[in-house]
Amino acid sequence: MKRLKNQILFMACLFGAVMGVVFIVIQPWFGMDTLTSRHAAAYQQLGGWNSVAAIMIAWTAHMAVSVFYGFLSGIVILSTARLELIALATLVFSWLTTLIAPPANAIIVQLVSFQHLQVSQLPGLNFSLDIKFVLHLVFFAAISVALYVYKKRVY
């Protein structure tokens, strides 16, 4: 049983990584610059990183967060089989990550660029139910659906 749980969590992290790539690929479809390109530009400007290092750091940070979000989704899938609770967790995760994205991204940029953490200069929380929310919702929903189906097949 422990092996199966570990397998689910591994797959959750893998699905998080896949959706992290998908998230970046589809951002331009909605008229947005990609998160990784925005971060890389900030790393170059504020931290003096060269372009290759900046984009590698941006992708590494983005993928680490995506894998972590996949892991959180895996914990939900392992905790319950009730679809309404999984859907609620997916909705809550989507809203919370949209809410904290602006200041969280600014903190990452400040840290990677060796800036002093300046809380007063952080952007506010994003309370909008906009395209960013939709992208986060698609991200978490895809992971949750894939994990739910995967769990049904292996259990």
N, C-alpha and C. Protein backbone atom coordinates (compact mmCIF):
# COMPACT_ATOMS: atom_id res chain seq x y z
N MET A 1 0.82 -1.19 0.00
CA MET A 1 0.00 0.00 0.00
C MET A 1 0.87 1.26 0.00
N LYS A 2 1.96 1.23 0.80
CA LYS A 2 2.85 2.39 0.85
C LYS A 2 3.49 2.63 -0.52
N ARG A 3 3.83 1.54 -1.18
CA ARG A 3 4.43 1.65 -2.52
C ARG A 3 3.47 2.33 -3.49
N LEU A 4 2.18 1.97 -3.42
CA LEU A 4 1.19 2.58 -4.30
C LEU A 4 1.00 4.06 -3.99
N LYS A 5 1.03 4.42 -2.73
CA LYS A 5 0.91 5.83 -2.35
C LYS A 5 2.11 6.62 -2.87
N ASN A 6 3.29 6.06 -2.72
CA ASN A 6 4.49 6.71 -3.25
C ASN A 6 4.42 6.85 -4.77
N GLN A 7 3.87 5.84 -5.41
CA GLN A 7 3.71 5.87 -6.87
C GLN A 7 2.74 6.98 -7.27
N ILE A 8 1.65 7.15 -6.52
CA ILE A 8 0.69 8.23 -6.80
C ILE A 8 1.38 9.58 -6.62
N LEU A 9 2.14 9.73 -5.55
CA LEU A 9 2.82 11.02 -5.31
C LEU A 9 3.86 11.29 -6.38
N PHE A 10 4.56 10.25 -6.82
CA PHE A 10 5.52 10.43 -7.90
C PHE A 10 4.81 10.89 -9.17
N MET A 11 3.71 10.24 -9.49
CA MET A 11 2.95 10.62 -10.67
C MET A 11 2.38 12.04 -10.53
N ALA A 12 1.99 12.40 -9.33
CA ALA A 12 1.49 13.76 -9.08
C ALA A 12 2.57 14.78 -9.39
N CYS A 13 3.78 14.50 -8.96
CA CYS A 13 4.91 15.41 -9.25
C CYS A 13 5.19 15.44 -10.75
N LEU A 14 5.14 14.29 -11.39
CA LEU A 14 5.35 14.22 -12.84
C LEU A 14 4.27 15.01 -13.58
N PHE A 15 3.01 14.82 -13.19
CA PHE A 15 1.92 15.58 -13.83
C PHE A 15 2.09 17.07 -13.57
N GLY A 16 2.57 17.45 -12.37
CA GLY A 16 2.84 18.85 -12.07
C GLY A 16 3.90 19.42 -13.02
N ALA A 17 4.94 18.64 -13.28
CA ALA A 17 6.00 19.08 -14.19
C ALA A 17 5.46 19.24 -15.62
N VAL A 18 4.68 18.26 -16.06
CA VAL A 18 4.11 18.34 -17.41
C VAL A 18 3.21 19.56 -17.53
N MET A 19 2.36 19.76 -16.54
CA MET A 19 1.45 20.92 -16.59
C MET A 19 2.20 22.23 -16.43
N GLY A 20 3.34 22.21 -15.77
CA GLY A 20 4.17 23.41 -15.68
C GLY A 20 4.64 23.84 -17.06
N VAL A 21 5.03 22.88 -17.89
CA VAL A 21 5.44 23.18 -19.26
C VAL A 21 4.23 23.66 -20.07
N VAL A 22 3.11 22.95 -19.94
CA VAL A 22 1.89 23.34 -20.66
C VAL A 22 1.48 24.76 -20.28
N PHE A 23 1.55 25.09 -19.01
CA PHE A 23 1.20 26.41 -18.51
C PHE A 23 1.98 27.51 -19.25
N ILE A 24 3.28 27.30 -19.40
CA ILE A 24 4.13 28.28 -20.09
C ILE A 24 3.81 28.32 -21.58
N VAL A 25 3.59 27.17 -22.18
CA VAL A 25 3.31 27.10 -23.62
C VAL A 25 2.01 27.84 -23.97
N ILE A 26 0.99 27.72 -23.12
CA ILE A 26 -0.30 28.32 -23.48
C ILE A 26 -0.45 29.78 -23.06
N GLN A 27 0.42 30.29 -22.22
CA GLN A 27 0.29 31.70 -21.81
C GLN A 27 0.24 32.66 -23.01
N PRO A 28 1.09 32.52 -24.01
CA PRO A 28 1.02 33.45 -25.15
C PRO A 28 -0.30 33.39 -25.92
N TRP A 29 -0.99 32.26 -25.86
CA TRP A 29 -2.29 32.15 -26.54
C TRP A 29 -3.30 33.15 -25.97
N PHE A 30 -3.04 33.63 -24.76
CA PHE A 30 -3.93 34.58 -24.10
C PHE A 30 -3.34 35.98 -24.05
N GLY A 31 -2.36 36.22 -24.93
CA GLY A 31 -1.77 37.55 -25.03
C GLY A 31 -0.82 37.89 -23.90
N MET A 32 -0.31 36.89 -23.22
CA MET A 32 0.58 37.12 -22.08
C MET A 32 2.01 36.74 -22.45
N ASP A 33 2.96 37.51 -21.93
CA ASP A 33 4.34 37.04 -21.98
C ASP A 33 4.44 35.87 -21.00
N THR A 34 5.32 34.93 -21.30
CA THR A 34 5.43 33.79 -20.39
C THR A 34 6.05 34.21 -19.07
N LEU A 35 5.66 33.51 -18.03
CA LEU A 35 6.20 33.76 -16.70
C LEU A 35 7.72 33.60 -16.71
N THR A 36 8.21 32.57 -17.39
CA THR A 36 9.65 32.32 -17.41
C THR A 36 10.41 33.42 -18.15
N SER A 37 9.83 33.96 -19.22
CA SER A 37 10.53 35.05 -19.93
C SER A 37 10.52 36.33 -19.11
N ARG A 38 9.41 36.60 -18.40
CA ARG A 38 9.35 37.79 -17.54
C ARG A 38 10.36 37.69 -16.40
N HIS A 39 10.42 36.50 -15.79
CA HIS A 39 11.38 36.32 -14.70
C HIS A 39 12.82 36.42 -15.22
N ALA A 40 13.09 35.77 -16.34
CA ALA A 40 14.46 35.81 -16.88
C ALA A 40 14.88 37.24 -17.18
N ALA A 41 13.99 38.04 -17.75
CA ALA A 41 14.31 39.45 -18.03
C ALA A 41 14.61 40.21 -16.75
N ALA A 42 13.83 39.94 -15.72
CA ALA A 42 14.07 40.61 -14.43
C ALA A 42 15.39 40.16 -13.82
N TYR A 43 15.73 38.88 -13.94
CA TYR A 43 16.99 38.38 -13.41
C TYR A 43 18.18 39.05 -14.11
N GLN A 44 18.04 39.24 -15.41
CA GLN A 44 19.10 39.90 -16.17
C GLN A 44 19.24 41.36 -15.76
N GLN A 45 18.11 42.05 -15.68
CA GLN A 45 18.12 43.47 -15.37
C GLN A 45 18.54 43.75 -13.93
N LEU A 46 17.96 43.04 -12.99
CA LEU A 46 18.21 43.34 -11.58
C LEU A 46 19.40 42.61 -11.00
N GLY A 47 19.64 41.38 -11.50
CA GLY A 47 20.69 40.57 -10.91
C GLY A 47 21.95 40.45 -11.74
N GLY A 48 21.90 40.98 -12.96
CA GLY A 48 23.07 40.91 -13.81
C GLY A 48 23.35 39.52 -14.36
N TRP A 49 22.36 38.64 -14.36
CA TRP A 49 22.55 37.30 -14.90
C TRP A 49 22.63 37.36 -16.42
N ASN A 50 23.42 36.48 -17.02
CA ASN A 50 23.41 36.41 -18.48
C ASN A 50 22.13 35.71 -18.92
N SER A 51 21.81 35.79 -20.19
CA SER A 51 20.52 35.31 -20.67
C SER A 51 20.32 33.80 -20.48
N VAL A 52 21.36 33.02 -20.69
CA VAL A 52 21.23 31.57 -20.54
C VAL A 52 20.98 31.20 -19.09
N ALA A 53 21.76 31.75 -18.20
CA ALA A 53 21.57 31.46 -16.77
C ALA A 53 20.20 31.95 -16.31
N ALA A 54 19.80 33.11 -16.76
CA ALA A 54 18.52 33.69 -16.33
C ALA A 54 17.35 32.80 -16.74
N ILE A 55 17.35 32.32 -17.97
CA ILE A 55 16.24 31.48 -18.41
C ILE A 55 16.28 30.11 -17.72
N MET A 56 17.47 29.60 -17.48
CA MET A 56 17.57 28.32 -16.77
C MET A 56 17.06 28.45 -15.33
N ILE A 57 17.39 29.54 -14.67
CA ILE A 57 16.92 29.76 -13.30
C ILE A 57 15.41 29.95 -13.30
N ALA A 58 14.90 30.69 -14.27
CA ALA A 58 13.45 30.93 -14.35
C ALA A 58 12.70 29.61 -14.54
N TRP A 59 13.19 28.77 -15.43
CA TRP A 59 12.54 27.48 -15.66
C TRP A 59 12.66 26.57 -14.44
N THR A 60 13.82 26.59 -13.80
CA THR A 60 14.02 25.76 -12.60
C THR A 60 13.05 26.17 -11.50
N ALA A 61 12.93 27.46 -11.26
CA ALA A 61 12.00 27.96 -10.23
C ALA A 61 10.56 27.60 -10.59
N HIS A 62 10.20 27.81 -11.84
CA HIS A 62 8.83 27.51 -12.27
C HIS A 62 8.52 26.03 -12.14
N MET A 63 9.45 25.20 -12.55
CA MET A 63 9.22 23.76 -12.49
C MET A 63 9.18 23.26 -11.05
N ALA A 64 10.00 23.83 -10.18
CA ALA A 64 9.96 23.43 -8.77
C ALA A 64 8.60 23.74 -8.16
N VAL A 65 8.07 24.91 -8.45
CA VAL A 65 6.74 25.27 -7.95
C VAL A 65 5.68 24.36 -8.56
N SER A 66 5.77 24.07 -9.84
CA SER A 66 4.79 23.21 -10.51
C SER A 66 4.80 21.80 -9.93
N VAL A 67 5.97 21.27 -9.66
CA VAL A 67 6.09 19.94 -9.06
C VAL A 67 5.50 19.95 -7.65
N PHE A 68 5.77 21.00 -6.90
CA PHE A 68 5.20 21.12 -5.55
C PHE A 68 3.67 21.17 -5.61
N TYR A 69 3.13 21.93 -6.54
CA TYR A 69 1.67 22.00 -6.70
C TYR A 69 1.10 20.64 -7.10
N GLY A 70 1.82 19.91 -7.93
CA GLY A 70 1.40 18.55 -8.27
C GLY A 70 1.40 17.66 -7.04
N PHE A 71 2.42 17.80 -6.22
CA PHE A 71 2.52 17.03 -4.97
C PHE A 71 1.32 17.32 -4.07
N LEU A 72 0.97 18.61 -3.93
CA LEU A 72 -0.21 18.97 -3.12
C LEU A 72 -1.48 18.32 -3.67
N SER A 73 -1.61 18.32 -4.98
CA SER A 73 -2.76 17.66 -5.60
C SER A 73 -2.76 16.17 -5.31
N GLY A 74 -1.58 15.57 -5.31
CA GLY A 74 -1.46 14.15 -4.98
C GLY A 74 -1.90 13.84 -3.57
N ILE A 75 -1.58 14.72 -2.65
CA ILE A 75 -2.02 14.53 -1.27
C ILE A 75 -3.54 14.54 -1.18
N VAL A 76 -4.16 15.44 -1.92
CA VAL A 76 -5.63 15.50 -1.95
C VAL A 76 -6.19 14.20 -2.50
N ILE A 77 -5.66 13.75 -3.61
CA ILE A 77 -6.16 12.52 -4.25
C ILE A 77 -5.99 11.32 -3.33
N LEU A 78 -4.90 11.29 -2.58
CA LEU A 78 -4.69 10.19 -1.64
C LEU A 78 -5.58 10.31 -0.41
N SER A 79 -6.01 11.51 -0.10
CA SER A 79 -6.79 11.75 1.11
C SER A 79 -8.27 11.45 0.95
N THR A 80 -8.78 11.53 -0.27
CA THR A 80 -10.21 11.33 -0.47
C THR A 80 -10.48 10.80 -1.88
N ALA A 81 -11.58 10.07 -1.98
CA ALA A 81 -12.05 9.61 -3.29
C ALA A 81 -13.30 10.38 -3.69
N ARG A 82 -13.76 11.28 -2.83
CA ARG A 82 -14.98 12.03 -3.10
C ARG A 82 -14.69 13.14 -4.12
N LEU A 83 -15.34 13.03 -5.25
CA LEU A 83 -15.10 13.99 -6.34
C LEU A 83 -15.40 15.43 -5.94
N GLU A 84 -16.42 15.64 -5.12
CA GLU A 84 -16.75 17.01 -4.72
C GLU A 84 -15.65 17.63 -3.86
N LEU A 85 -14.98 16.83 -3.04
CA LEU A 85 -13.86 17.35 -2.25
C LEU A 85 -12.63 17.61 -3.11
N ILE A 86 -12.41 16.74 -4.08
CA ILE A 86 -11.30 16.95 -5.01
C ILE A 86 -11.55 18.21 -5.83
N ALA A 87 -12.78 18.39 -6.30
CA ALA A 87 -13.13 19.60 -7.07
C ALA A 87 -12.98 20.84 -6.20
N LEU A 88 -13.41 20.77 -4.95
CA LEU A 88 -13.28 21.92 -4.05
C LEU A 88 -11.81 22.25 -3.81
N ALA A 89 -10.99 21.24 -3.56
CA ALA A 89 -9.55 21.47 -3.36
C ALA A 89 -8.92 22.07 -4.61
N THR A 90 -9.32 21.59 -5.77
CA THR A 90 -8.81 22.12 -7.04
C THR A 90 -9.18 23.60 -7.18
N LEU A 91 -10.40 23.93 -6.86
CA LEU A 91 -10.85 25.32 -6.92
C LEU A 91 -10.11 26.19 -5.91
N VAL A 92 -9.96 25.71 -4.69
CA VAL A 92 -9.26 26.47 -3.65
C VAL A 92 -7.79 26.67 -4.02
N PHE A 93 -7.12 25.61 -4.46
CA PHE A 93 -5.71 25.74 -4.88
C PHE A 93 -5.57 26.75 -6.01
N SER A 94 -6.49 26.69 -6.97
CA SER A 94 -6.45 27.60 -8.12
C SER A 94 -6.60 29.05 -7.65
N TRP A 95 -7.55 29.28 -6.77
CA TRP A 95 -7.79 30.64 -6.29
C TRP A 95 -6.62 31.13 -5.43
N LEU A 96 -6.13 30.29 -4.52
CA LEU A 96 -5.02 30.71 -3.65
C LEU A 96 -3.75 31.01 -4.43
N THR A 97 -3.45 30.17 -5.41
CA THR A 97 -2.23 30.40 -6.19
C THR A 97 -2.35 31.65 -7.06
N THR A 98 -3.55 31.92 -7.55
CA THR A 98 -3.79 33.16 -8.30
C THR A 98 -3.66 34.36 -7.37
N LEU A 99 -4.21 34.23 -6.18
CA LEU A 99 -4.18 35.29 -5.18
C LEU A 99 -2.75 35.69 -4.81
N ILE A 100 -1.90 34.70 -4.54
CA ILE A 100 -0.55 35.00 -4.06
C ILE A 100 0.49 35.15 -5.16
N ALA A 101 0.12 34.87 -6.41
CA ALA A 101 1.11 34.88 -7.50
C ALA A 101 1.90 36.18 -7.62
N PRO A 102 1.25 37.36 -7.64
CA PRO A 102 2.04 38.58 -7.83
C PRO A 102 3.12 38.79 -6.76
N PRO A 103 2.79 38.74 -5.46
CA PRO A 103 3.86 38.94 -4.49
C PRO A 103 4.85 37.77 -4.45
N ALA A 104 4.37 36.55 -4.65
CA ALA A 104 5.27 35.40 -4.64
C ALA A 104 6.28 35.48 -5.78
N ASN A 105 5.82 35.84 -6.97
CA ASN A 105 6.73 35.99 -8.10
C ASN A 105 7.73 37.12 -7.85
N ALA A 106 7.28 38.21 -7.27
CA ALA A 106 8.18 39.33 -6.97
C ALA A 106 9.24 38.93 -5.94
N ILE A 107 8.85 38.13 -4.96
CA ILE A 107 9.81 37.66 -3.96
C ILE A 107 10.87 36.79 -4.62
N ILE A 108 10.45 35.88 -5.50
CA ILE A 108 11.40 35.02 -6.21
C ILE A 108 12.37 35.88 -7.01
N VAL A 109 11.85 36.87 -7.73
CA VAL A 109 12.72 37.74 -8.52
C VAL A 109 13.71 38.48 -7.62
N GLN A 110 13.23 39.01 -6.51
CA GLN A 110 14.12 39.74 -5.60
C GLN A 110 15.22 38.82 -5.06
N LEU A 111 14.86 37.61 -4.67
CA LEU A 111 15.84 36.69 -4.10
C LEU A 111 16.87 36.25 -5.13
N VAL A 112 16.40 35.86 -6.32
CA VAL A 112 17.31 35.39 -7.36
C VAL A 112 18.21 36.52 -7.86
N SER A 113 17.71 37.74 -7.80
CA SER A 113 18.48 38.90 -8.27
C SER A 113 19.33 39.52 -7.17
N PHE A 114 19.41 38.84 -6.05
CA PHE A 114 20.22 39.28 -4.91
C PHE A 114 19.81 40.66 -4.40
N GLN A 115 18.53 40.94 -4.50
CA GLN A 115 17.99 42.18 -3.97
C GLN A 115 17.63 41.92 -2.51
N HIS A 116 17.63 42.99 -1.73
CA HIS A 116 17.10 42.85 -0.38
C HIS A 116 15.60 42.67 -0.50
N LEU A 117 15.06 41.77 0.29
CA LEU A 117 13.63 41.55 0.27
C LEU A 117 12.94 42.82 0.75
N GLN A 118 12.21 43.44 -0.15
CA GLN A 118 11.54 44.71 0.14
C GLN A 118 10.04 44.49 0.09
N VAL A 119 9.49 44.17 1.25
CA VAL A 119 8.07 43.85 1.35
C VAL A 119 7.21 45.03 0.90
N SER A 120 7.66 46.24 1.16
CA SER A 120 6.87 47.43 0.79
C SER A 120 6.75 47.58 -0.73
N GLN A 121 7.65 46.96 -1.48
CA GLN A 121 7.62 47.08 -2.94
C GLN A 121 6.93 45.89 -3.62
N LEU A 122 6.39 44.99 -2.84
CA LEU A 122 5.71 43.83 -3.43
C LEU A 122 4.35 44.25 -3.97
N PRO A 123 3.97 43.68 -5.10
CA PRO A 123 2.62 43.97 -5.61
C PRO A 123 1.58 43.36 -4.69
N GLY A 124 0.38 43.85 -4.81
CA GLY A 124 -0.71 43.34 -3.98
C GLY A 124 -1.18 41.98 -4.43
N LEU A 125 -2.06 41.43 -3.64
CA LEU A 125 -2.67 40.14 -3.97
C LEU A 125 -3.60 40.31 -5.17
N ASN A 126 -3.76 39.26 -5.94
CA ASN A 126 -4.62 39.29 -7.12
C ASN A 126 -5.97 38.66 -6.77
N PHE A 127 -6.96 39.49 -6.52
CA PHE A 127 -8.30 39.00 -6.19
C PHE A 127 -9.17 38.81 -7.43
N SER A 128 -8.61 39.06 -8.61
CA SER A 128 -9.38 38.98 -9.85
C SER A 128 -9.61 37.54 -10.27
N LEU A 129 -10.79 37.29 -10.75
CA LEU A 129 -11.07 35.99 -11.36
C LEU A 129 -10.92 36.18 -12.86
N ASP A 130 -9.67 36.27 -13.28
CA ASP A 130 -9.32 36.60 -14.65
C ASP A 130 -8.67 35.40 -15.34
N ILE A 131 -8.01 35.65 -16.44
CA ILE A 131 -7.38 34.58 -17.21
C ILE A 131 -6.30 33.86 -16.39
N LYS A 132 -5.66 34.58 -15.48
CA LYS A 132 -4.64 33.94 -14.64
C LYS A 132 -5.30 32.88 -13.75
N PHE A 133 -6.48 33.21 -13.24
CA PHE A 133 -7.23 32.23 -12.45
C PHE A 133 -7.60 31.03 -13.32
N VAL A 134 -8.06 31.31 -14.53
CA VAL A 134 -8.45 30.22 -15.44
C VAL A 134 -7.25 29.32 -15.73
N LEU A 135 -6.08 29.90 -15.96
CA LEU A 135 -4.89 29.10 -16.22
C LEU A 135 -4.53 28.23 -15.01
N HIS A 136 -4.62 28.81 -13.83
CA HIS A 136 -4.35 28.01 -12.63
C HIS A 136 -5.40 26.91 -12.46
N LEU A 137 -6.64 27.21 -12.76
CA LEU A 137 -7.71 26.22 -12.66
C LEU A 137 -7.47 25.07 -13.63
N VAL A 138 -7.11 25.38 -14.86
CA VAL A 138 -6.80 24.33 -15.85
C VAL A 138 -5.61 23.50 -15.37
N PHE A 139 -4.59 24.16 -14.84
CA PHE A 139 -3.40 23.49 -14.32
C PHE A 139 -3.79 22.45 -13.27
N PHE A 140 -4.49 22.91 -12.22
CA PHE A 140 -4.85 22.00 -11.13
C PHE A 140 -5.89 20.97 -11.54
N ALA A 141 -6.84 21.36 -12.37
CA ALA A 141 -7.87 20.41 -12.81
C ALA A 141 -7.25 19.29 -13.64
N ALA A 142 -6.34 19.62 -14.52
CA ALA A 142 -5.69 18.59 -15.35
C ALA A 142 -4.92 17.60 -14.48
N ILE A 143 -4.20 18.11 -13.49
CA ILE A 143 -3.45 17.23 -12.59
C ILE A 143 -4.42 16.34 -11.80
N SER A 144 -5.47 16.95 -11.26
CA SER A 144 -6.42 16.20 -10.43
C SER A 144 -7.14 15.13 -11.23
N VAL A 145 -7.58 15.46 -12.43
CA VAL A 145 -8.27 14.48 -13.27
C VAL A 145 -7.32 13.34 -13.63
N ALA A 146 -6.12 13.68 -14.06
CA ALA A 146 -5.15 12.64 -14.44
C ALA A 146 -4.83 11.75 -13.25
N LEU A 147 -4.65 12.34 -12.08
CA LEU A 147 -4.35 11.54 -10.88
C LEU A 147 -5.53 10.68 -10.45
N TYR A 148 -6.70 11.23 -10.54
CA TYR A 148 -7.90 10.48 -10.17
C TYR A 148 -8.04 9.23 -11.04
N VAL A 149 -7.88 9.42 -12.33
CA VAL A 149 -7.96 8.29 -13.27
C VAL A 149 -6.82 7.30 -13.01
N TYR A 150 -5.62 7.84 -12.80
CA TYR A 150 -4.47 6.97 -12.54
C TYR A 150 -4.69 6.15 -11.25
N LYS A 151 -5.18 6.80 -10.22
CA LYS A 151 -5.43 6.11 -8.94
C LYS A 151 -6.46 5.00 -9.13
N LYS A 152 -7.50 5.27 -9.89
CA LYS A 152 -8.53 4.25 -10.13
C LYS A 152 -7.95 3.04 -10.86
N ARG A 153 -6.97 3.27 -11.71
CA ARG A 153 -6.38 2.17 -12.48
C ARG A 153 -5.41 1.32 -11.66
N VAL A 154 -4.68 1.96 -10.74
CA VAL A 154 -3.66 1.21 -9.98
C VAL A 154 -4.20 0.63 -8.69
N TYR A 155 -5.29 1.16 -8.18
CA TYR A 155 -5.87 0.61 -6.94
C TYR A 155 -6.88 -0.46 -7.24
